[in-house]
Amino acid sequence: MTGFLIKKTLFDLWDNLFKIALLNLGFTLSAAFFLFLPSLLAPVPPLAAAAVPLGLFWVFVYLAAAAGTVKTLADYGSFGAGDFFRCLKGALPAGAVLGFFACLIWVTANLGIPFYLALNSPPGLLLAALSFWILLSALLTLQFFPAVRARLDPRTGRALKKSFLIFIDNPGFCFFSLASILFLSVLSILCLLLIPGPVGILLYLDEALRLRLLKYDWLEANPGADRRKIPWDTLLAEDREKTGNRSFKSFIFPWKE
């Protein structure tokens, strides 16, 4: 499944390169606006202070809306600007939740764990280790939250619960996805956040979730089956046929085929 996931994500990313780059550009410009807004509002300290949480909230609302927008690409469809703005309407609760957990993770990583380690005692070391594993579990769970909310359940609480269940049932898959996100993040920075960028990463996560859900459809249809022996070749047959294969020439110069 992993090889096909990478292949399909690459194809969908390439086929929608301009649209994804535009969404990434919108994210970068809006995030930069709120980044510099506090300095512009420095003469009015209350407004400058309010700009920070407002900017953080907007960043995660944008990402939640983008996740709902790119879902159609994983389903072999397309999207337009209107689709993004429709997704934006319902992204406020998800943005608030993502912003809250992002702040919590940042505080834990930058303040909590160093504080416990500085105690230089067995209880401090134990609390630091516990904080680390809680932080890692939160990252492994939350990485799929935007895709789960867009694909499975728009209700924030239920989407969080389902994201956690996916992590519990597929820890190896979630670790691989998190490692892939780190790689794609480095690549995005090198490409000035345009490709794959945060939207391309969201596309990858939605592709991963959609393919992983085929496992549960199969288990539901075969209740007595061995969960450790999922027939991925059979489950992915239709998707492989739809995705097809491309030569390097047709991939780079499709108009010459």
C-alpha atoms as a PDB file:
ATOM      1  CA  MET A   1       0.000   0.000   0.000  1.00  0.00           C
ATOM      2  CA  THR A   2       2.826   2.388   0.853  1.00  0.00           C
ATOM      3  CA  GLY A   3       4.281   2.390  -2.655  1.00  0.00           C
ATOM      4  CA  PHE A   4       0.913   3.049  -4.242  1.00  0.00           C
ATOM      5  CA  LEU A   5       0.176   5.804  -1.709  1.00  0.00           C
ATOM      6  CA  ILE A   6       3.369   7.639  -2.687  1.00  0.00           C
ATOM      7  CA  LYS A   7       2.664   7.115  -6.381  1.00  0.00           C
ATOM      8  CA  LYS A   8      -0.935   8.353  -6.256  1.00  0.00           C
ATOM      9  CA  THR A   9      -0.043  11.362  -4.123  1.00  0.00           C
ATOM     10  CA  LEU A  10       2.704  12.292  -6.566  1.00  0.00           C
ATOM     11  CA  PHE A  11       0.376  11.956  -9.555  1.00  0.00           C
ATOM     12  CA  ASP A  12      -2.407  14.002  -7.934  1.00  0.00           C
ATOM     13  CA  LEU A  13       0.086  16.620  -6.791  1.00  0.00           C
ATOM     14  CA  TRP A  14       1.557  16.920 -10.277  1.00  0.00           C
ATOM     15  CA  ASP A  15      -1.830  17.013 -12.027  1.00  0.00           C
ATOM     16  CA  ASN A  16      -3.016  19.835  -9.743  1.00  0.00           C
ATOM     17  CA  LEU A  17       0.307  21.593  -9.262  1.00  0.00           C
ATOM     18  CA  PHE A  18      -0.943  25.105 -10.016  1.00  0.00           C
ATOM     19  CA  LYS A  19      -4.013  24.895  -7.781  1.00  0.00           C
ATOM     20  CA  ILE A  20      -2.064  23.479  -4.857  1.00  0.00           C
ATOM     21  CA  ALA A  21       0.654  26.101  -5.284  1.00  0.00           C
ATOM     22  CA  LEU A  22      -2.003  28.832  -5.214  1.00  0.00           C
ATOM     23  CA  LEU A  23      -3.511  27.458  -2.009  1.00  0.00           C
ATOM     24  CA  ASN A  24      -0.032  27.265  -0.492  1.00  0.00           C
ATOM     25  CA  LEU A  25       0.667  30.844  -1.566  1.00  0.00           C
ATOM     26  CA  GLY A  26      -2.568  31.990   0.063  1.00  0.00           C
ATOM     27  CA  PHE A  27      -1.555  30.236   3.257  1.00  0.00           C
ATOM     28  CA  THR A  28       1.928  31.775   3.244  1.00  0.00           C
ATOM     29  CA  LEU A  29       0.721  35.307   2.528  1.00  0.00           C
ATOM     30  CA  SER A  30      -2.044  35.231   5.129  1.00  0.00           C
ATOM     31  CA  ALA A  31       0.283  33.722   7.749  1.00  0.00           C
ATOM     32  CA  ALA A  32       2.916  36.375   6.963  1.00  0.00           C
ATOM     33  CA  PHE A  33       0.300  39.121   7.312  1.00  0.00           C
ATOM     34  CA  PHE A  34      -0.596  38.032  10.828  1.00  0.00           C
ATOM     35  CA  LEU A  35       3.093  37.514  11.630  1.00  0.00           C
ATOM     36  CA  PHE A  36       3.879  41.158  10.913  1.00  0.00           C
ATOM     37  CA  LEU A  37       0.572  42.534  12.181  1.00  0.00           C
ATOM     38  CA  PRO A  38       1.665  42.810  15.855  1.00  0.00           C
ATOM     39  CA  SER A  39       4.573  45.080  14.898  1.00  0.00           C
ATOM     40  CA  LEU A  40       2.244  47.257  12.828  1.00  0.00           C
ATOM     41  CA  LEU A  41      -0.132  47.514  15.788  1.00  0.00           C
ATOM     42  CA  ALA A  42       2.650  48.126  18.318  1.00  0.00           C
ATOM     43  CA  PRO A  43       1.352  51.659  19.137  1.00  0.00           C
ATOM     44  CA  VAL A  44      -1.848  49.991  20.370  1.00  0.00           C
ATOM     45  CA  PRO A  45      -0.659  47.164  22.712  1.00  0.00           C
ATOM     46  CA  PRO A  46      -4.081  45.501  23.236  1.00  0.00           C
ATOM     47  CA  LEU A  47      -4.594  45.150  19.484  1.00  0.00           C
ATOM     48  CA  ALA A  48      -1.026  43.931  18.989  1.00  0.00           C
ATOM     49  CA  ALA A  49      -1.532  41.268  21.660  1.00  0.00           C
ATOM     50  CA  ALA A  50      -4.859  40.197  20.144  1.00  0.00           C
ATOM     51  CA  ALA A  51      -3.266  39.812  16.694  1.00  0.00           C
ATOM     52  CA  VAL A  52      -1.148  36.843  17.848  1.00  0.00           C
ATOM     53  CA  PRO A  53      -3.961  34.422  18.828  1.00  0.00           C
ATOM     54  CA  LEU A  54      -6.068  35.696  15.923  1.00  0.00           C
ATOM     55  CA  GLY A  55      -3.284  34.890  13.475  1.00  0.00           C
ATOM     56  CA  LEU A  56      -2.738  31.460  14.985  1.00  0.00           C
ATOM     57  CA  PHE A  57      -6.458  30.747  14.810  1.00  0.00           C
ATOM     58  CA  TRP A  58      -6.616  31.803  11.149  1.00  0.00           C
ATOM     59  CA  VAL A  59      -3.658  29.598  10.178  1.00  0.00           C
ATOM     60  CA  PHE A  60      -5.367  26.477  11.480  1.00  0.00           C
ATOM     61  CA  VAL A  61      -8.771  27.440  10.097  1.00  0.00           C
ATOM     62  CA  TYR A  62      -7.097  27.812   6.687  1.00  0.00           C
ATOM     63  CA  LEU A  63      -5.507  24.373   7.007  1.00  0.00           C
ATOM     64  CA  ALA A  64      -8.802  22.768   8.040  1.00  0.00           C
ATOM     65  CA  ALA A  65     -10.531  24.334   5.035  1.00  0.00           C
ATOM     66  CA  ALA A  66      -7.705  23.245   2.722  1.00  0.00           C
ATOM     67  CA  ALA A  67      -8.033  19.663   3.983  1.00  0.00           C
ATOM     68  CA  GLY A  68     -11.692  19.642   2.999  1.00  0.00           C
ATOM     69  CA  THR A  69     -10.831  21.131  -0.381  1.00  0.00           C
ATOM     70  CA  VAL A  70      -8.139  18.655  -1.457  1.00  0.00           C
ATOM     71  CA  LYS A  71     -10.233  15.653  -0.430  1.00  0.00           C
ATOM     72  CA  THR A  72     -11.775  15.678  -3.905  1.00  0.00           C
ATOM     73  CA  LEU A  73      -8.345  15.109  -5.469  1.00  0.00           C
ATOM     74  CA  ALA A  74      -7.903  11.841  -3.585  1.00  0.00           C
ATOM     75  CA  ASP A  75     -11.342  10.843  -4.899  1.00  0.00           C
ATOM     76  CA  TYR A  76     -10.201  11.433  -8.514  1.00  0.00           C
ATOM     77  CA  GLY A  77     -11.997  14.773  -8.731  1.00  0.00           C
ATOM     78  CA  SER A  78     -11.035  18.422  -8.914  1.00  0.00           C
ATOM     79  CA  PHE A  79     -11.759  21.640  -7.030  1.00  0.00           C
ATOM     80  CA  GLY A  80     -12.129  25.354  -7.585  1.00  0.00           C
ATOM     81  CA  ALA A  81     -11.887  28.499  -5.489  1.00  0.00           C
ATOM     82  CA  GLY A  82     -15.552  28.205  -4.528  1.00  0.00           C
ATOM     83  CA  ASP A  83     -14.907  24.813  -2.928  1.00  0.00           C
ATOM     84  CA  PHE A  84     -12.289  26.306  -0.621  1.00  0.00           C
ATOM     85  CA  PHE A  85     -14.590  29.085   0.562  1.00  0.00           C
ATOM     86  CA  ARG A  86     -17.412  26.608   1.160  1.00  0.00           C
ATOM     87  CA  CYS A  87     -15.079  24.507   3.311  1.00  0.00           C
ATOM     88  CA  LEU A  88     -13.933  27.655   5.102  1.00  0.00           C
ATOM     89  CA  LYS A  89     -17.420  28.210   6.534  1.00  0.00           C
ATOM     90  CA  GLY A  90     -17.346  25.032   8.595  1.00  0.00           C
ATOM     91  CA  ALA A  91     -13.651  25.105   9.494  1.00  0.00           C
ATOM     92  CA  LEU A  92     -13.864  27.434  12.499  1.00  0.00           C
ATOM     93  CA  PRO A  93     -14.329  24.749  15.216  1.00  0.00           C
ATOM     94  CA  ALA A  94     -11.601  22.568  13.721  1.00  0.00           C
ATOM     95  CA  GLY A  95      -9.243  25.544  13.506  1.00  0.00           C
ATOM     96  CA  ALA A  96      -9.858  26.355  17.162  1.00  0.00           C
ATOM     97  CA  VAL A  97      -9.155  22.763  18.223  1.00  0.00           C
ATOM     98  CA  LEU A  98      -5.987  22.514  16.122  1.00  0.00           C
ATOM     99  CA  GLY A  99      -4.762  25.875  17.449  1.00  0.00           C
ATOM    100  CA  PHE A 100      -5.406  24.826  21.036  1.00  0.00           C
ATOM    101  CA  PHE A 101      -3.513  21.545  20.687  1.00  0.00           C
ATOM    102  CA  ALA A 102      -0.684  23.225  18.760  1.00  0.00           C
ATOM    103  CA  CYS A 103      -0.204  25.652  21.655  1.00  0.00           C
ATOM    104  CA  LEU A 104      -0.370  22.797  24.156  1.00  0.00           C
ATOM    105  CA  ILE A 105       2.219  20.783  22.224  1.00  0.00           C
ATOM    106  CA  TRP A 106       4.506  23.823  21.929  1.00  0.00           C
ATOM    107  CA  VAL A 107       4.279  24.547  25.660  1.00  0.00           C
ATOM    108  CA  THR A 108       4.949  20.901  26.521  1.00  0.00           C
ATOM    109  CA  ALA A 109       7.958  20.633  24.199  1.00  0.00           C
ATOM    110  CA  ASN A 110       9.555  23.984  25.011  1.00  0.00           C
ATOM    111  CA  LEU A 111       8.635  24.519  28.646  1.00  0.00           C
ATOM    112  CA  GLY A 112       7.266  21.370  30.249  1.00  0.00           C
ATOM    113  CA  ILE A 113       9.883  18.781  29.275  1.00  0.00           C
ATOM    114  CA  PRO A 114      12.919  21.092  29.883  1.00  0.00           C
ATOM    115  CA  PHE A 115      11.458  22.052  33.277  1.00  0.00           C
ATOM    116  CA  TYR A 116      11.075  18.421  34.358  1.00  0.00           C
ATOM    117  CA  LEU A 117      14.566  17.532  33.125  1.00  0.00           C
ATOM    118  CA  ALA A 118      16.017  20.499  35.031  1.00  0.00           C
ATOM    119  CA  LEU A 119      14.720  18.989  38.282  1.00  0.00           C
ATOM    120  CA  ASN A 120      17.495  16.406  37.899  1.00  0.00           C
ATOM    121  CA  SER A 121      15.602  13.787  39.860  1.00  0.00           C
ATOM    122  CA  PRO A 122      13.897  10.445  39.144  1.00  0.00           C
ATOM    123  CA  PRO A 123      10.374  11.967  39.426  1.00  0.00           C
ATOM    124  CA  GLY A 124      11.425  14.750  37.073  1.00  0.00           C
ATOM    125  CA  LEU A 125      12.834  12.263  34.565  1.00  0.00           C
ATOM    126  CA  LEU A 126       9.670  10.184  34.796  1.00  0.00           C
ATOM    127  CA  LEU A 127       7.466  13.245  34.190  1.00  0.00           C
ATOM    128  CA  ALA A 128       9.661  14.325  31.269  1.00  0.00           C
ATOM    129  CA  ALA A 129       9.400  10.859  29.683  1.00  0.00           C
ATOM    130  CA  LEU A 130       5.633  10.786  30.257  1.00  0.00           C
ATOM    131  CA  SER A 131       5.270  14.260  28.705  1.00  0.00           C
ATOM    132  CA  PHE A 132       7.318  13.174  25.693  1.00  0.00           C
ATOM    133  CA  TRP A 133       5.160  10.126  25.002  1.00  0.00           C
ATOM    134  CA  ILE A 134       1.957  12.124  25.470  1.00  0.00           C
ATOM    135  CA  LEU A 135       3.285  14.749  23.052  1.00  0.00           C
ATOM    136  CA  LEU A 136       4.257  12.096  20.485  1.00  0.00           C
ATOM    137  CA  SER A 137       0.858  10.383  20.806  1.00  0.00           C
ATOM    138  CA  ALA A 138      -0.848  13.746  20.273  1.00  0.00           C
ATOM    139  CA  LEU A 139       1.162  14.358  17.098  1.00  0.00           C
ATOM    140  CA  LEU A 140       0.433  10.869  15.775  1.00  0.00           C
ATOM    141  CA  THR A 141      -3.277  11.380  16.446  1.00  0.00           C
ATOM    142  CA  LEU A 142      -3.702  14.964  15.291  1.00  0.00           C
ATOM    143  CA  GLN A 143      -1.909  14.492  11.973  1.00  0.00           C
ATOM    144  CA  PHE A 144      -5.026  12.790  10.616  1.00  0.00           C
ATOM    145  CA  PHE A 145      -7.575  15.028  12.335  1.00  0.00           C
ATOM    146  CA  PRO A 146      -8.121  17.423   9.360  1.00  0.00           C
ATOM    147  CA  ALA A 147      -8.528  14.495   6.949  1.00  0.00           C
ATOM    148  CA  VAL A 148     -10.824  12.560   9.312  1.00  0.00           C
ATOM    149  CA  ARG A 149     -12.974  15.641   9.805  1.00  0.00           C
ATOM    150  CA  ALA A 150     -13.152  16.247   6.041  1.00  0.00           C
ATOM    151  CA  ARG A 151     -13.718  12.629   5.030  1.00  0.00           C
ATOM    152  CA  LEU A 152     -15.493  10.876   7.907  1.00  0.00           C
ATOM    153  CA  ASP A 153     -17.175  13.210  10.378  1.00  0.00           C
ATOM    154  CA  PRO A 154     -17.359  17.044  10.461  1.00  0.00           C
ATOM    155  CA  ARG A 155     -18.185  17.006  14.182  1.00  0.00           C
ATOM    156  CA  THR A 156     -15.019  18.023  15.978  1.00  0.00           C
ATOM    157  CA  GLY A 157     -15.298  15.741  19.009  1.00  0.00           C
ATOM    158  CA  ARG A 158     -16.120  12.640  16.992  1.00  0.00           C
ATOM    159  CA  ALA A 159     -13.364  13.448  14.494  1.00  0.00           C
ATOM    160  CA  LEU A 160     -10.843  13.616  17.343  1.00  0.00           C
ATOM    161  CA  LYS A 161     -12.065  10.293  18.705  1.00  0.00           C
ATOM    162  CA  LYS A 162     -11.802   8.605  15.304  1.00  0.00           C
ATOM    163  CA  SER A 163      -8.324  10.057  14.764  1.00  0.00           C
ATOM    164  CA  PHE A 164      -7.229   8.555  18.062  1.00  0.00           C
ATOM    165  CA  LEU A 165      -8.732   5.167  17.170  1.00  0.00           C
ATOM    166  CA  ILE A 166      -6.870   5.188  13.860  1.00  0.00           C
ATOM    167  CA  PHE A 167      -3.620   5.791  15.731  1.00  0.00           C
ATOM    168  CA  ILE A 168      -4.322   3.024  18.269  1.00  0.00           C
ATOM    169  CA  ASP A 169      -5.174   0.523  15.517  1.00  0.00           C
ATOM    170  CA  ASN A 170      -2.392   1.539  13.098  1.00  0.00           C
ATOM    171  CA  PRO A 171       0.639   2.757  15.092  1.00  0.00           C
ATOM    172  CA  GLY A 172       3.224   1.703  12.488  1.00  0.00           C
ATOM    173  CA  PHE A 173       1.281   3.392   9.707  1.00  0.00           C
ATOM    174  CA  CYS A 174       0.953   6.570  11.791  1.00  0.00           C
ATOM    175  CA  PHE A 175       4.687   6.628  12.564  1.00  0.00           C
ATOM    176  CA  PHE A 176       5.441   6.270   8.857  1.00  0.00           C
ATOM    177  CA  SER A 177       3.031   9.099   8.030  1.00  0.00           C
ATOM    178  CA  LEU A 178       4.596  11.370  10.640  1.00  0.00           C
ATOM    179  CA  ALA A 179       8.073  10.645   9.241  1.00  0.00           C
ATOM    180  CA  SER A 180       6.732  11.405   5.758  1.00  0.00           C
ATOM    181  CA  ILE A 181       5.362  14.725   6.999  1.00  0.00           C
ATOM    182  CA  LEU A 182       8.785  15.671   8.357  1.00  0.00           C
ATOM    183  CA  PHE A 183      10.389  14.841   5.005  1.00  0.00           C
ATOM    184  CA  LEU A 184       7.728  16.745   3.059  1.00  0.00           C
ATOM    185  CA  SER A 185       8.089  19.710   5.421  1.00  0.00           C
ATOM    186  CA  VAL A 186      11.825  19.933   4.714  1.00  0.00           C
ATOM    187  CA  LEU A 187      11.134  19.650   0.984  1.00  0.00           C
ATOM    188  CA  SER A 188       8.467  22.361   1.266  1.00  0.00           C
ATOM    189  CA  ILE A 189      10.873  24.752   2.971  1.00  0.00           C
ATOM    190  CA  LEU A 190      13.386  24.208   0.176  1.00  0.00           C
ATOM    191  CA  CYS A 191      10.625  25.016  -2.330  1.00  0.00           C
ATOM    192  CA  LEU A 192       9.517  28.181  -0.464  1.00  0.00           C
ATOM    193  CA  LEU A 193       6.381  26.429   0.883  1.00  0.00           C
ATOM    194  CA  LEU A 194       4.831  26.273  -2.600  1.00  0.00           C
ATOM    195  CA  ILE A 195       5.286  22.567  -3.397  1.00  0.00           C
ATOM    196  CA  PRO A 196       4.295  20.342  -1.765  1.00  0.00           C
ATOM    197  CA  GLY A 197       3.723  22.888   1.008  1.00  0.00           C
ATOM    198  CA  PRO A 198       1.165  22.489   3.787  1.00  0.00           C
ATOM    199  CA  VAL A 199      -1.642  21.820   1.296  1.00  0.00           C
ATOM    200  CA  GLY A 200       0.373  19.091  -0.424  1.00  0.00           C
ATOM    201  CA  ILE A 201       1.004  17.495   2.970  1.00  0.00           C
ATOM    202  CA  LEU A 202      -2.732  17.599   3.689  1.00  0.00           C
ATOM    203  CA  LEU A 203      -3.336  15.912   0.330  1.00  0.00           C
ATOM    204  CA  TYR A 204      -0.877  13.158   1.251  1.00  0.00           C
ATOM    205  CA  LEU A 205      -2.620  12.594   4.596  1.00  0.00           C
ATOM    206  CA  ASP A 206      -6.039  12.425   2.961  1.00  0.00           C
ATOM    207  CA  GLU A 207      -4.748   9.952   0.371  1.00  0.00           C
ATOM    208  CA  ALA A 208      -3.276   7.866   3.203  1.00  0.00           C
ATOM    209  CA  LEU A 209      -6.519   7.916   5.180  1.00  0.00           C
ATOM    210  CA  ARG A 210      -8.692   7.044   2.173  1.00  0.00           C
ATOM    211  CA  LEU A 211      -6.560   4.019   1.333  1.00  0.00           C
ATOM    212  CA  ARG A 212      -6.358   2.915   4.974  1.00  0.00           C
ATOM    213  CA  LEU A 213     -10.153   2.993   5.215  1.00  0.00           C
ATOM    214  CA  LEU A 214     -10.311   0.281   2.535  1.00  0.00           C
ATOM    215  CA  LYS A 215      -8.996  -2.038   5.248  1.00  0.00           C
ATOM    216  CA  TYR A 216     -11.995  -1.352   7.465  1.00  0.00           C
ATOM    217  CA  ASP A 217     -14.471  -1.782   4.619  1.00  0.00           C
ATOM    218  CA  TRP A 218     -12.930  -5.187   3.947  1.00  0.00           C
ATOM    219  CA  LEU A 219     -12.944  -6.202   7.626  1.00  0.00           C
ATOM    220  CA  GLU A 220     -16.596  -5.184   7.902  1.00  0.00           C
ATOM    221  CA  ALA A 221     -17.435  -7.378   4.913  1.00  0.00           C
ATOM    222  CA  ASN A 222     -15.295 -10.223   6.295  1.00  0.00           C
ATOM    223  CA  PRO A 223     -15.833 -10.216  10.080  1.00  0.00           C
ATOM    224  CA  GLY A 224     -13.922 -13.434  10.719  1.00  0.00           C
ATOM    225  CA  ALA A 225     -10.844 -12.467   8.712  1.00  0.00           C
ATOM    226  CA  ASP A 226      -7.317 -12.169  10.108  1.00  0.00           C
ATOM    227  CA  ARG A 227      -6.618  -8.463  10.666  1.00  0.00           C
ATOM    228  CA  ARG A 228      -2.908  -9.094  10.128  1.00  0.00           C
ATOM    229  CA  LYS A 229      -3.450 -10.390   6.579  1.00  0.00           C
ATOM    230  CA  ILE A 230      -5.140  -7.612   4.627  1.00  0.00           C
ATOM    231  CA  PRO A 231      -5.293  -8.415   0.862  1.00  0.00           C
ATOM    232  CA  TRP A 232      -3.990  -5.032  -0.258  1.00  0.00           C
ATOM    233  CA  ASP A 233      -3.408  -6.167  -3.848  1.00  0.00           C
ATOM    234  CA  THR A 234      -7.099  -6.970  -4.182  1.00  0.00           C
ATOM    235  CA  LEU A 235      -8.271  -3.855  -2.317  1.00  0.00           C
ATOM    236  CA  LEU A 236      -6.113  -1.538  -4.417  1.00  0.00           C
ATOM    237  CA  ALA A 237      -6.875  -3.139  -7.789  1.00  0.00           C
ATOM    238  CA  GLU A 238      -9.548  -0.600  -8.759  1.00  0.00           C
ATOM    239  CA  ASP A 239      -7.470   2.360  -7.605  1.00  0.00           C
ATOM    240  CA  ARG A 240      -4.434   1.112  -9.498  1.00  0.00           C
ATOM    241  CA  GLU A 241      -6.507   0.822 -12.642  1.00  0.00           C
ATOM    242  CA  LYS A 242      -7.867   4.357 -12.238  1.00  0.00           C
ATOM    243  CA  THR A 243      -4.459   5.823 -11.443  1.00  0.00           C
ATOM    244  CA  GLY A 244      -2.662   4.004 -14.231  1.00  0.00           C
ATOM    245  CA  ASN A 245       1.027   4.192 -15.048  1.00  0.00           C
ATOM    246  CA  ARG A 246       3.081   6.892 -16.700  1.00  0.00           C
ATOM    247  CA  SER A 247       6.436   6.942 -18.341  1.00  0.00           C
ATOM    248  CA  PHE A 248       8.890   9.628 -17.305  1.00  0.00           C
ATOM    249  CA  LYS A 249       8.303  11.366 -20.645  1.00  0.00           C
ATOM    250  CA  SER A 250       4.513  11.416 -20.255  1.00  0.00           C
ATOM    251  CA  PHE A 251       4.884  12.531 -16.646  1.00  0.00           C
ATOM    252  CA  ILE A 252       7.003  15.568 -17.511  1.00  0.00           C
ATOM    253  CA  PHE A 253       5.702  16.250 -21.061  1.00  0.00           C
ATOM    254  CA  PRO A 254       2.111  14.912 -21.165  1.00  0.00           C
ATOM    255  CA  TRP A 255       1.290  16.901 -24.308  1.00  0.00           C
ATOM    256  CA  LYS A 256       3.866  14.890 -26.309  1.00  0.00           C
ATOM    257  CA  GLU A 257       2.018  11.616 -25.780  1.00  0.00           C
END
